[in-house]
Amino acid sequence: MALTRTQKAAQITELKDKMTKAASVIFTQYIGLTVADITKLRAALKKEHAEMQVAKKSLIQIAAKEAKLPEIKDDMLEGAVACIFSTQEPTSGASIAFSFAKTHAQVKLVGGVFSGKVLSKAEANELAVIPSRLVLLATFASMCRSPLVSFASACSSPLTGFARLLSEIAKNKASAAPAATAEPVAAAPEAAAAATPTA
């Protein structure tokens, strides 16, 4: 059923608002998916703070213009398309749609907008395989942790050995002290005999 002028205006406003707030916008084909498939895809997107909205090409283009995004040309929006808005991680929506497409051939990323730049079909698919910020941070933390653990282990080994050495020295000094004090006592009679004049 054709949209009324009021409905079109409302949808343009909604699209514009979502485009303005989104970290990225991906355009994807979806025709051929069942209602159950679309519901499953929407649920997966929602978990990662992304959402999909179906709209006419002309309304998408008008909304993009009003949101001051780069021009969305007709050849980018192949067939019936839906917009996927990612509100936190720029890669989340693209990544989920890309993964979903592996088992649902009807889903095809055809373009998008990211960081003020229009993405081609190839660039949209490249964005989809970039690890998320959290994954990158976890990987970086793991890389940083490994050398630190090795360094701490390397440092603790000589320190432990040094502590043991000090302990042994202390024990040796303690055992040597009585012997050192006994020698003068034993030598005293000899010294006294040497000091006594002979008749």
N, C-alpha and C. Protein backbone atom coordinates (compact mmCIF):
# COMPACT_ATOMS: atom_id res chain seq x y z
N MET A 1 0.84 -1.20 0.00
CA MET A 1 0.00 0.00 0.00
C MET A 1 0.88 1.25 0.00
N ALA A 2 0.53 2.19 -0.86
CA ALA A 2 1.32 3.42 -0.98
C ALA A 2 1.22 4.25 0.30
N LEU A 3 2.34 4.89 0.63
CA LEU A 3 2.36 5.74 1.81
C LEU A 3 1.74 7.10 1.50
N THR A 4 1.07 7.66 2.46
CA THR A 4 0.53 9.01 2.31
C THR A 4 1.67 10.01 2.48
N ARG A 5 1.42 11.23 2.13
CA ARG A 5 2.45 12.26 2.28
C ARG A 5 2.86 12.41 3.74
N THR A 6 1.89 12.32 4.64
CA THR A 6 2.19 12.44 6.06
C THR A 6 3.06 11.28 6.53
N GLN A 7 2.74 10.08 6.06
CA GLN A 7 3.53 8.91 6.44
C GLN A 7 4.95 8.99 5.90
N LYS A 8 5.09 9.48 4.68
CA LYS A 8 6.42 9.65 4.09
C LYS A 8 7.25 10.65 4.90
N ALA A 9 6.62 11.76 5.25
CA ALA A 9 7.31 12.79 6.03
C ALA A 9 7.76 12.24 7.38
N ALA A 10 6.89 11.44 8.01
CA ALA A 10 7.21 10.85 9.30
C ALA A 10 8.37 9.87 9.19
N GLN A 11 8.37 9.08 8.10
CA GLN A 11 9.44 8.10 7.91
C GLN A 11 10.77 8.79 7.59
N ILE A 12 10.70 9.87 6.82
CA ILE A 12 11.93 10.62 6.52
C ILE A 12 12.53 11.18 7.81
N THR A 13 11.66 11.71 8.66
CA THR A 13 12.13 12.26 9.94
C THR A 13 12.76 11.17 10.80
N GLU A 14 12.13 10.01 10.81
CA GLU A 14 12.64 8.89 11.60
C GLU A 14 13.99 8.41 11.06
N LEU A 15 14.09 8.28 9.76
CA LEU A 15 15.34 7.85 9.14
C LEU A 15 16.46 8.86 9.38
N LYS A 16 16.11 10.12 9.23
CA LYS A 16 17.08 11.19 9.44
C LYS A 16 17.62 11.15 10.87
N ASP A 17 16.73 10.97 11.84
CA ASP A 17 17.12 10.93 13.24
C ASP A 17 18.06 9.75 13.51
N LYS A 18 17.74 8.61 12.95
CA LYS A 18 18.57 7.41 13.15
C LYS A 18 19.92 7.54 12.44
N MET A 19 19.92 8.13 11.28
CA MET A 19 21.17 8.34 10.55
C MET A 19 22.09 9.29 11.30
N THR A 20 21.50 10.31 11.89
CA THR A 20 22.28 11.31 12.63
C THR A 20 22.94 10.69 13.87
N LYS A 21 22.21 9.79 14.54
CA LYS A 21 22.71 9.19 15.78
C LYS A 21 23.58 7.96 15.55
N ALA A 22 23.48 7.35 14.39
CA ALA A 22 24.18 6.09 14.13
C ALA A 22 25.68 6.27 13.97
N ALA A 23 26.44 5.28 14.43
CA ALA A 23 27.89 5.26 14.22
C ALA A 23 28.20 4.83 12.80
N SER A 24 27.29 4.07 12.22
CA SER A 24 27.41 3.66 10.82
C SER A 24 26.04 3.25 10.30
N VAL A 25 25.88 3.32 8.99
CA VAL A 25 24.64 2.89 8.33
C VAL A 25 25.03 1.94 7.21
N ILE A 26 24.40 0.77 7.19
CA ILE A 26 24.68 -0.22 6.16
C ILE A 26 23.39 -0.47 5.37
N PHE A 27 23.54 -0.54 4.06
CA PHE A 27 22.39 -0.85 3.20
C PHE A 27 22.49 -2.32 2.78
N THR A 28 21.42 -3.06 2.97
CA THR A 28 21.45 -4.48 2.66
C THR A 28 20.19 -4.94 1.95
N GLN A 29 20.35 -5.88 1.08
CA GLN A 29 19.20 -6.51 0.43
C GLN A 29 18.63 -7.55 1.38
N TYR A 30 17.35 -7.78 1.28
CA TYR A 30 16.70 -8.72 2.21
C TYR A 30 15.55 -9.50 1.57
N ILE A 31 15.17 -9.16 0.36
CA ILE A 31 14.03 -9.80 -0.29
C ILE A 31 14.25 -11.31 -0.39
N GLY A 32 13.24 -12.05 0.02
CA GLY A 32 13.32 -13.51 0.01
C GLY A 32 13.40 -14.10 1.40
N LEU A 33 13.70 -13.26 2.40
CA LEU A 33 13.71 -13.74 3.77
C LEU A 33 12.29 -13.97 4.26
N THR A 34 12.10 -14.96 5.07
CA THR A 34 10.79 -15.20 5.67
C THR A 34 10.61 -14.25 6.85
N VAL A 35 9.40 -14.16 7.32
CA VAL A 35 9.12 -13.31 8.48
C VAL A 35 9.94 -13.80 9.67
N ALA A 36 10.06 -15.12 9.80
CA ALA A 36 10.84 -15.68 10.90
C ALA A 36 12.32 -15.30 10.77
N ASP A 37 12.84 -15.30 9.54
CA ASP A 37 14.24 -14.93 9.30
C ASP A 37 14.48 -13.47 9.69
N ILE A 38 13.57 -12.61 9.25
CA ILE A 38 13.72 -11.18 9.55
C ILE A 38 13.66 -10.93 11.05
N THR A 39 12.75 -11.65 11.72
CA THR A 39 12.63 -11.52 13.17
C THR A 39 13.93 -11.96 13.85
N LYS A 40 14.50 -13.04 13.37
CA LYS A 40 15.76 -13.54 13.93
C LYS A 40 16.90 -12.55 13.71
N LEU A 41 16.96 -11.98 12.51
CA LEU A 41 18.00 -11.00 12.21
C LEU A 41 17.84 -9.75 13.06
N ARG A 42 16.61 -9.28 13.20
CA ARG A 42 16.36 -8.09 14.04
C ARG A 42 16.78 -8.34 15.48
N ALA A 43 16.49 -9.53 15.98
CA ALA A 43 16.84 -9.86 17.37
C ALA A 43 18.36 -9.88 17.55
N ALA A 44 19.06 -10.44 16.58
CA ALA A 44 20.53 -10.48 16.65
C ALA A 44 21.11 -9.08 16.62
N LEU A 45 20.54 -8.21 15.79
CA LEU A 45 21.01 -6.83 15.70
C LEU A 45 20.75 -6.08 17.00
N LYS A 46 19.58 -6.30 17.57
CA LYS A 46 19.20 -5.59 18.79
C LYS A 46 20.16 -5.89 19.93
N LYS A 47 20.64 -7.13 20.02
CA LYS A 47 21.56 -7.52 21.08
C LYS A 47 22.86 -6.72 21.00
N GLU A 48 23.21 -6.29 19.80
CA GLU A 48 24.45 -5.54 19.61
C GLU A 48 24.20 -4.06 19.36
N HIS A 49 23.08 -3.57 19.84
CA HIS A 49 22.72 -2.15 19.73
C HIS A 49 22.67 -1.67 18.28
N ALA A 50 22.04 -2.48 17.46
CA ALA A 50 21.83 -2.12 16.05
C ALA A 50 20.39 -2.46 15.69
N GLU A 51 19.89 -1.89 14.61
CA GLU A 51 18.53 -2.19 14.17
C GLU A 51 18.40 -2.05 12.67
N MET A 52 17.42 -2.74 12.14
CA MET A 52 17.18 -2.71 10.70
C MET A 52 15.82 -2.06 10.42
N GLN A 53 15.81 -1.21 9.42
CA GLN A 53 14.56 -0.56 9.02
C GLN A 53 14.44 -0.58 7.50
N VAL A 54 13.30 -1.09 7.05
CA VAL A 54 13.02 -1.13 5.61
C VAL A 54 12.44 0.22 5.19
N ALA A 55 12.90 0.72 4.04
CA ALA A 55 12.39 2.01 3.54
C ALA A 55 12.60 2.09 2.04
N LYS A 56 11.83 2.94 1.40
CA LYS A 56 11.99 3.16 -0.03
C LYS A 56 13.29 3.92 -0.29
N LYS A 57 13.87 3.65 -1.44
CA LYS A 57 15.13 4.30 -1.80
C LYS A 57 15.03 5.82 -1.75
N SER A 58 13.95 6.33 -2.34
CA SER A 58 13.81 7.78 -2.41
C SER A 58 13.77 8.41 -1.02
N LEU A 59 13.13 7.73 -0.08
CA LEU A 59 13.05 8.26 1.29
C LEU A 59 14.41 8.18 1.98
N ILE A 60 15.14 7.11 1.71
CA ILE A 60 16.49 6.97 2.28
C ILE A 60 17.38 8.11 1.77
N GLN A 61 17.27 8.40 0.50
CA GLN A 61 18.11 9.45 -0.11
C GLN A 61 17.75 10.83 0.44
N ILE A 62 16.46 11.09 0.59
CA ILE A 62 16.03 12.39 1.15
C ILE A 62 16.50 12.52 2.59
N ALA A 63 16.32 11.44 3.38
CA ALA A 63 16.72 11.47 4.78
C ALA A 63 18.23 11.69 4.92
N ALA A 64 19.01 11.05 4.07
CA ALA A 64 20.46 11.21 4.10
C ALA A 64 20.86 12.65 3.79
N LYS A 65 20.17 13.23 2.85
CA LYS A 65 20.45 14.63 2.48
C LYS A 65 20.12 15.55 3.64
N GLU A 66 18.98 15.33 4.29
CA GLU A 66 18.58 16.17 5.41
C GLU A 66 19.50 15.96 6.63
N ALA A 67 20.07 14.76 6.74
CA ALA A 67 21.00 14.47 7.84
C ALA A 67 22.41 14.97 7.52
N LYS A 68 22.55 15.62 6.31
CA LYS A 68 23.83 16.15 5.86
C LYS A 68 24.88 15.05 5.66
N LEU A 69 24.42 13.90 5.22
CA LEU A 69 25.33 12.81 4.87
C LEU A 69 25.68 12.93 3.38
N PRO A 70 26.73 12.25 2.94
CA PRO A 70 27.07 12.29 1.51
C PRO A 70 25.89 11.78 0.67
N GLU A 71 25.88 12.17 -0.58
CA GLU A 71 24.79 11.77 -1.48
C GLU A 71 24.75 10.26 -1.68
N ILE A 72 23.57 9.69 -1.54
CA ILE A 72 23.37 8.26 -1.77
C ILE A 72 22.80 8.10 -3.18
N LYS A 73 23.61 7.61 -4.08
CA LYS A 73 23.19 7.50 -5.48
C LYS A 73 22.34 6.25 -5.72
N ASP A 74 21.57 6.29 -6.80
CA ASP A 74 20.66 5.19 -7.12
C ASP A 74 21.38 3.86 -7.29
N ASP A 75 22.56 3.88 -7.93
CA ASP A 75 23.24 2.62 -8.22
C ASP A 75 23.76 1.92 -6.97
N MET A 76 23.81 2.65 -5.85
CA MET A 76 24.24 2.03 -4.61
C MET A 76 23.12 1.21 -3.99
N LEU A 77 21.91 1.65 -4.18
CA LEU A 77 20.75 0.98 -3.57
C LEU A 77 20.15 0.00 -4.58
N GLU A 78 20.80 -1.12 -4.75
CA GLU A 78 20.35 -2.13 -5.71
C GLU A 78 19.15 -2.90 -5.15
N GLY A 79 18.07 -2.92 -5.92
CA GLY A 79 16.88 -3.65 -5.48
C GLY A 79 16.26 -3.04 -4.24
N ALA A 80 15.40 -3.81 -3.60
CA ALA A 80 14.78 -3.35 -2.35
C ALA A 80 15.82 -3.47 -1.24
N VAL A 81 16.00 -2.41 -0.48
CA VAL A 81 17.04 -2.43 0.56
C VAL A 81 16.47 -2.02 1.92
N ALA A 82 17.22 -2.40 2.93
CA ALA A 82 16.92 -2.00 4.30
C ALA A 82 18.14 -1.29 4.85
N CYS A 83 17.93 -0.41 5.79
CA CYS A 83 19.03 0.29 6.46
C CYS A 83 19.32 -0.42 7.78
N ILE A 84 20.58 -0.63 8.06
CA ILE A 84 20.99 -1.18 9.35
C ILE A 84 21.78 -0.09 10.07
N PHE A 85 21.24 0.33 11.20
CA PHE A 85 21.86 1.41 11.99
C PHE A 85 22.60 0.80 13.18
N SER A 86 23.86 1.12 13.32
CA SER A 86 24.65 0.69 14.48
C SER A 86 24.87 1.91 15.36
N THR A 87 24.37 1.85 16.58
CA THR A 87 24.42 3.03 17.44
C THR A 87 25.65 3.11 18.34
N GLN A 88 26.35 1.99 18.54
CA GLN A 88 27.54 2.01 19.39
C GLN A 88 28.78 1.61 18.60
N GLU A 89 28.94 0.33 18.35
CA GLU A 89 30.07 -0.15 17.56
C GLU A 89 29.77 0.04 16.08
N PRO A 90 30.58 0.76 15.34
CA PRO A 90 30.32 0.97 13.91
C PRO A 90 30.25 -0.32 13.10
N THR A 91 30.95 -1.33 13.58
CA THR A 91 31.03 -2.58 12.82
C THR A 91 29.95 -3.59 13.18
N SER A 92 29.21 -3.36 14.26
CA SER A 92 28.31 -4.39 14.78
C SER A 92 27.21 -4.80 13.79
N GLY A 93 26.48 -3.82 13.25
CA GLY A 93 25.40 -4.15 12.33
C GLY A 93 25.89 -4.85 11.07
N ALA A 94 26.97 -4.33 10.51
CA ALA A 94 27.53 -4.93 9.30
C ALA A 94 28.02 -6.34 9.57
N SER A 95 28.65 -6.54 10.72
CA SER A 95 29.19 -7.85 11.08
C SER A 95 28.08 -8.88 11.24
N ILE A 96 27.01 -8.50 11.91
CA ILE A 96 25.89 -9.42 12.13
C ILE A 96 25.21 -9.77 10.81
N ALA A 97 24.97 -8.76 9.98
CA ALA A 97 24.34 -9.02 8.68
C ALA A 97 25.23 -9.90 7.81
N PHE A 98 26.53 -9.66 7.87
CA PHE A 98 27.49 -10.44 7.09
C PHE A 98 27.47 -11.90 7.53
N SER A 99 27.45 -12.12 8.83
CA SER A 99 27.40 -13.49 9.37
C SER A 99 26.07 -14.16 9.03
N PHE A 100 24.99 -13.39 9.12
CA PHE A 100 23.66 -13.92 8.82
C PHE A 100 23.58 -14.34 7.35
N ALA A 101 24.27 -13.62 6.49
CA ALA A 101 24.26 -13.89 5.05
C ALA A 101 24.90 -15.22 4.71
N LYS A 102 25.75 -15.74 5.60
CA LYS A 102 26.41 -17.02 5.34
C LYS A 102 25.40 -18.16 5.25
N THR A 103 24.29 -18.02 5.96
CA THR A 103 23.25 -19.06 5.93
C THR A 103 21.96 -18.57 5.27
N HIS A 104 21.96 -17.30 4.86
CA HIS A 104 20.79 -16.71 4.21
C HIS A 104 21.29 -15.87 3.03
N ALA A 105 21.37 -16.49 1.87
CA ALA A 105 21.95 -15.86 0.69
C ALA A 105 21.19 -14.61 0.23
N GLN A 106 19.96 -14.46 0.71
CA GLN A 106 19.16 -13.29 0.31
C GLN A 106 19.74 -11.99 0.88
N VAL A 107 20.49 -12.09 1.96
CA VAL A 107 21.08 -10.91 2.60
C VAL A 107 22.40 -10.58 1.92
N LYS A 108 22.47 -9.37 1.38
CA LYS A 108 23.69 -8.93 0.70
C LYS A 108 23.95 -7.47 1.04
N LEU A 109 25.13 -7.20 1.57
CA LEU A 109 25.51 -5.82 1.86
C LEU A 109 25.85 -5.12 0.56
N VAL A 110 25.18 -3.99 0.29
CA VAL A 110 25.39 -3.31 -0.99
C VAL A 110 26.04 -1.93 -0.85
N GLY A 111 26.25 -1.48 0.38
CA GLY A 111 26.87 -0.17 0.58
C GLY A 111 26.60 0.34 1.98
N GLY A 112 26.91 1.61 2.19
CA GLY A 112 26.67 2.19 3.50
C GLY A 112 27.30 3.56 3.65
N VAL A 113 27.25 4.06 4.87
CA VAL A 113 27.87 5.35 5.21
C VAL A 113 28.57 5.17 6.54
N PHE A 114 29.83 5.57 6.58
CA PHE A 114 30.61 5.48 7.82
C PHE A 114 31.61 6.62 7.88
N SER A 115 31.64 7.30 9.02
CA SER A 115 32.59 8.38 9.25
C SER A 115 32.53 9.45 8.16
N GLY A 116 31.30 9.78 7.74
CA GLY A 116 31.11 10.82 6.74
C GLY A 116 31.48 10.43 5.34
N LYS A 117 31.66 9.14 5.10
CA LYS A 117 32.07 8.66 3.79
C LYS A 117 31.10 7.60 3.29
N VAL A 118 30.76 7.66 2.00
CA VAL A 118 29.91 6.64 1.40
C VAL A 118 30.74 5.38 1.16
N LEU A 119 30.21 4.24 1.57
CA LEU A 119 30.91 2.98 1.39
C LEU A 119 30.37 2.24 0.17
N SER A 120 31.27 1.72 -0.63
CA SER A 120 30.87 0.89 -1.75
C SER A 120 30.47 -0.49 -1.22
N LYS A 121 30.02 -1.35 -2.13
CA LYS A 121 29.66 -2.71 -1.72
C LYS A 121 30.88 -3.42 -1.10
N ALA A 122 32.03 -3.28 -1.76
CA ALA A 122 33.24 -3.92 -1.26
C ALA A 122 33.65 -3.36 0.11
N GLU A 123 33.55 -2.05 0.27
CA GLU A 123 33.95 -1.41 1.53
C GLU A 123 33.00 -1.79 2.66
N ALA A 124 31.71 -1.94 2.35
CA ALA A 124 30.74 -2.34 3.37
C ALA A 124 31.06 -3.74 3.87
N ASN A 125 31.45 -4.61 2.96
CA ASN A 125 31.80 -5.97 3.35
C ASN A 125 33.13 -6.02 4.10
N GLU A 126 34.02 -5.11 3.77
CA GLU A 126 35.29 -5.02 4.51
C GLU A 126 35.04 -4.55 5.94
N LEU A 127 34.14 -3.59 6.09
CA LEU A 127 33.79 -3.10 7.43
C LEU A 127 33.23 -4.24 8.28
N ALA A 128 32.48 -5.13 7.64
CA ALA A 128 31.81 -6.22 8.35
C ALA A 128 32.78 -7.20 9.00
N VAL A 129 33.99 -7.30 8.46
CA VAL A 129 34.93 -8.29 8.99
C VAL A 129 35.99 -7.67 9.91
N ILE A 130 35.88 -6.37 10.16
CA ILE A 130 36.79 -5.71 11.10
C ILE A 130 36.37 -6.07 12.53
N PRO A 131 37.29 -6.51 13.38
CA PRO A 131 36.93 -6.84 14.76
C PRO A 131 36.37 -5.62 15.49
N SER A 132 35.47 -5.85 16.42
CA SER A 132 34.89 -4.74 17.19
C SER A 132 35.94 -4.14 18.11
N ARG A 133 35.62 -2.98 18.66
CA ARG A 133 36.54 -2.28 19.56
C ARG A 133 36.86 -3.14 20.79
N LEU A 134 35.84 -3.82 21.33
CA LEU A 134 36.05 -4.65 22.51
C LEU A 134 36.98 -5.82 22.21
N VAL A 135 36.82 -6.41 21.04
CA VAL A 135 37.69 -7.52 20.65
C VAL A 135 39.12 -7.03 20.50
N LEU A 136 39.28 -5.87 19.86
CA LEU A 136 40.62 -5.30 19.68
C LEU A 136 41.27 -4.98 21.01
N LEU A 137 40.48 -4.42 21.95
CA LEU A 137 41.01 -4.08 23.27
C LEU A 137 41.42 -5.34 24.03
N ALA A 138 40.59 -6.38 23.93
CA ALA A 138 40.91 -7.64 24.61
C ALA A 138 42.18 -8.25 24.03
N THR A 139 42.32 -8.18 22.72
CA THR A 139 43.51 -8.71 22.06
C THR A 139 44.75 -7.91 22.48
N PHE A 140 44.60 -6.59 22.52
CA PHE A 140 45.71 -5.73 22.92
C PHE A 140 46.11 -5.99 24.37
N ALA A 141 45.11 -6.15 25.24
CA ALA A 141 45.39 -6.41 26.65
C ALA A 141 46.12 -7.73 26.82
N SER A 142 45.71 -8.73 26.04
CA SER A 142 46.36 -10.04 26.10
C SER A 142 47.81 -9.94 25.63
N MET A 143 48.02 -9.17 24.57
CA MET A 143 49.39 -8.99 24.04
C MET A 143 50.27 -8.27 25.06
N CYS A 144 49.68 -7.30 25.75
CA CYS A 144 50.45 -6.55 26.75
C CYS A 144 50.74 -7.40 27.98
N ARG A 145 49.78 -8.24 28.34
CA ARG A 145 49.90 -9.02 29.57
C ARG A 145 51.00 -10.07 29.46
N SER A 146 51.12 -10.71 28.31
CA SER A 146 52.09 -11.80 28.15
C SER A 146 53.53 -11.37 28.45
N PRO A 147 54.01 -10.26 27.83
CA PRO A 147 55.38 -9.83 28.15
C PRO A 147 55.54 -9.42 29.61
N LEU A 148 54.48 -8.84 30.20
CA LEU A 148 54.58 -8.41 31.59
C LEU A 148 54.70 -9.61 32.52
N VAL A 149 53.94 -10.66 32.22
CA VAL A 149 54.03 -11.87 33.03
C VAL A 149 55.42 -12.48 32.92
N SER A 150 55.93 -12.53 31.69
CA SER A 150 57.28 -13.08 31.47
C SER A 150 58.32 -12.23 32.20
N PHE A 151 58.14 -10.91 32.12
CA PHE A 151 59.09 -10.00 32.77
C PHE A 151 59.06 -10.18 34.29
N ALA A 152 57.85 -10.29 34.84
CA ALA A 152 57.71 -10.47 36.29
C ALA A 152 58.34 -11.78 36.73
N SER A 153 58.14 -12.82 35.92
CA SER A 153 58.73 -14.12 36.24
C SER A 153 60.25 -14.06 36.20
N ALA A 154 60.75 -13.36 35.17
CA ALA A 154 62.20 -13.24 35.02
C ALA A 154 62.80 -12.44 36.18
N CYS A 155 62.06 -11.43 36.60
CA CYS A 155 62.55 -10.59 37.71
C CYS A 155 62.50 -11.34 39.03
N SER A 156 61.46 -12.12 39.25
CA SER A 156 61.29 -12.80 40.53
C SER A 156 62.32 -13.89 40.73
N SER A 157 62.77 -14.53 39.64
CA SER A 157 63.73 -15.63 39.76
C SER A 157 65.05 -15.18 40.36
N PRO A 158 65.71 -14.14 39.79
CA PRO A 158 66.96 -13.69 40.40
C PRO A 158 66.77 -13.11 41.79
N LEU A 159 65.63 -12.47 42.04
CA LEU A 159 65.38 -11.91 43.36
C LEU A 159 65.25 -13.03 44.39
N THR A 160 64.58 -14.11 44.01
CA THR A 160 64.44 -15.24 44.91
C THR A 160 65.80 -15.86 45.21
N GLY A 161 66.61 -16.00 44.16
CA GLY A 161 67.96 -16.56 44.34
C GLY A 161 68.82 -15.67 45.22
N PHE A 162 68.69 -14.36 45.03
CA PHE A 162 69.46 -13.42 45.82
C PHE A 162 69.06 -13.49 47.30
N ALA A 163 67.74 -13.62 47.53
CA ALA A 163 67.25 -13.72 48.91
C ALA A 163 67.79 -14.98 49.58
N ARG A 164 67.83 -16.07 48.84
CA ARG A 164 68.36 -17.32 49.38
C ARG A 164 69.85 -17.19 49.70
N LEU A 165 70.58 -16.49 48.84
CA LEU A 165 72.02 -16.29 49.05
C LEU A 165 72.27 -15.50 50.33
N LEU A 166 71.47 -14.44 50.52
CA LEU A 166 71.62 -13.64 51.74
C LEU A 166 71.33 -14.48 52.98
N SER A 167 70.33 -15.36 52.87
CA SER A 167 69.98 -16.21 53.99
C SER A 167 71.12 -17.16 54.33
N GLU A 168 71.76 -17.75 53.31
CA GLU A 168 72.88 -18.66 53.53
C GLU A 168 74.07 -17.94 54.16
N ILE A 169 74.34 -16.71 53.69
CA ILE A 169 75.45 -15.93 54.25
C ILE A 169 75.20 -15.65 55.72
N ALA A 170 73.94 -15.30 56.04
CA ALA A 170 73.60 -15.02 57.43
C ALA A 170 73.79 -16.25 58.31
N LYS A 171 73.40 -17.44 57.78
CA LYS A 171 73.56 -18.68 58.54
C LYS A 171 75.03 -19.00 58.77
N ASN A 172 75.83 -18.80 57.72
CA ASN A 172 77.27 -19.08 57.84
C ASN A 172 77.94 -18.17 58.85
N LYS A 173 77.52 -16.91 58.86
CA LYS A 173 78.09 -15.96 59.83
C LYS A 173 77.71 -16.35 61.25
N ALA A 174 76.46 -16.80 61.38
CA ALA A 174 75.99 -17.18 62.71
C ALA A 174 76.73 -18.39 63.24
N SER A 175 77.00 -19.36 62.38
CA SER A 175 77.71 -20.58 62.81
C SER A 175 79.20 -20.32 63.02
N ALA A 176 79.75 -19.34 62.33
CA ALA A 176 81.18 -19.04 62.44
C ALA A 176 81.49 -18.19 63.67
N ALA A 177 80.54 -17.48 64.20
CA ALA A 177 80.77 -16.57 65.31
C ALA A 177 81.28 -17.27 66.56
N PRO A 178 80.70 -18.41 67.04
CA PRO A 178 81.21 -19.07 68.26
C PRO A 178 82.65 -19.54 68.10
N ALA A 179 83.00 -20.08 66.93
CA ALA A 179 84.37 -20.56 66.70
C ALA A 179 85.37 -19.43 66.78
N ALA A 180 84.98 -18.29 66.27
CA ALA A 180 85.88 -17.14 66.28
C ALA A 180 86.17 -16.66 67.69
N THR A 181 85.18 -16.73 68.57
CA THR A 181 85.37 -16.25 69.94
C THR A 181 86.11 -17.28 70.79
N ALA A 182 86.06 -18.55 70.40
CA ALA A 182 86.72 -19.60 71.19
C ALA A 182 88.22 -19.58 71.01
N GLU A 183 88.74 -19.17 69.88
CA GLU A 183 90.17 -19.18 69.60
C GLU A 183 90.97 -18.34 70.57
N PRO A 184 90.61 -17.13 70.91
CA PRO A 184 91.40 -16.33 71.86
C PRO A 184 91.45 -16.97 73.23
N VAL A 185 90.34 -17.63 73.66
CA VAL A 185 90.31 -18.25 74.99
C VAL A 185 91.31 -19.38 75.05
N ALA A 186 91.37 -20.18 73.98
CA ALA A 186 92.30 -21.31 73.95
C ALA A 186 93.75 -20.83 73.89
N ALA A 187 93.96 -19.70 73.27
CA ALA A 187 95.33 -19.19 73.11
C ALA A 187 95.83 -18.46 74.33
N ALA A 188 94.96 -18.15 75.27
CA ALA A 188 95.34 -17.36 76.44
C ALA A 188 96.40 -18.02 77.30
N PRO A 189 96.30 -19.35 77.63
CA PRO A 189 97.33 -19.97 78.46
C PRO A 189 98.69 -19.91 77.82
N GLU A 190 98.78 -20.11 76.50
CA GLU A 190 100.04 -20.05 75.83
C GLU A 190 100.66 -18.67 75.92
N ALA A 191 99.81 -17.68 75.80
CA ALA A 191 100.31 -16.32 75.89
C ALA A 191 100.83 -16.03 77.28
N ALA A 192 100.10 -16.59 78.30
CA ALA A 192 100.51 -16.36 79.69
C ALA A 192 101.84 -17.06 79.96
N ALA A 193 102.01 -18.27 79.41
CA ALA A 193 103.26 -19.00 79.62
C ALA A 193 104.42 -18.28 78.98
N ALA A 194 104.18 -17.72 77.83
CA ALA A 194 105.23 -17.00 77.14
C ALA A 194 105.63 -15.74 77.88
N ALA A 195 104.66 -15.18 78.58
CA ALA A 195 104.94 -13.92 79.31
C ALA A 195 105.62 -14.17 80.63
N THR A 196 105.58 -15.41 81.22
CA THR A 196 106.20 -15.71 82.53
C THR A 196 107.71 -15.87 82.36
N PRO A 197 108.56 -15.14 83.11
CA PRO A 197 110.03 -15.26 82.98
C PRO A 197 110.53 -16.60 83.48
N THR A 198 111.49 -17.14 82.85
CA THR A 198 112.08 -18.42 83.29
C THR A 198 113.12 -18.20 84.37
N ALA A 199 113.31 -19.20 85.28
CA ALA A 199 114.25 -19.06 86.37
C ALA A 199 115.68 -19.21 85.90
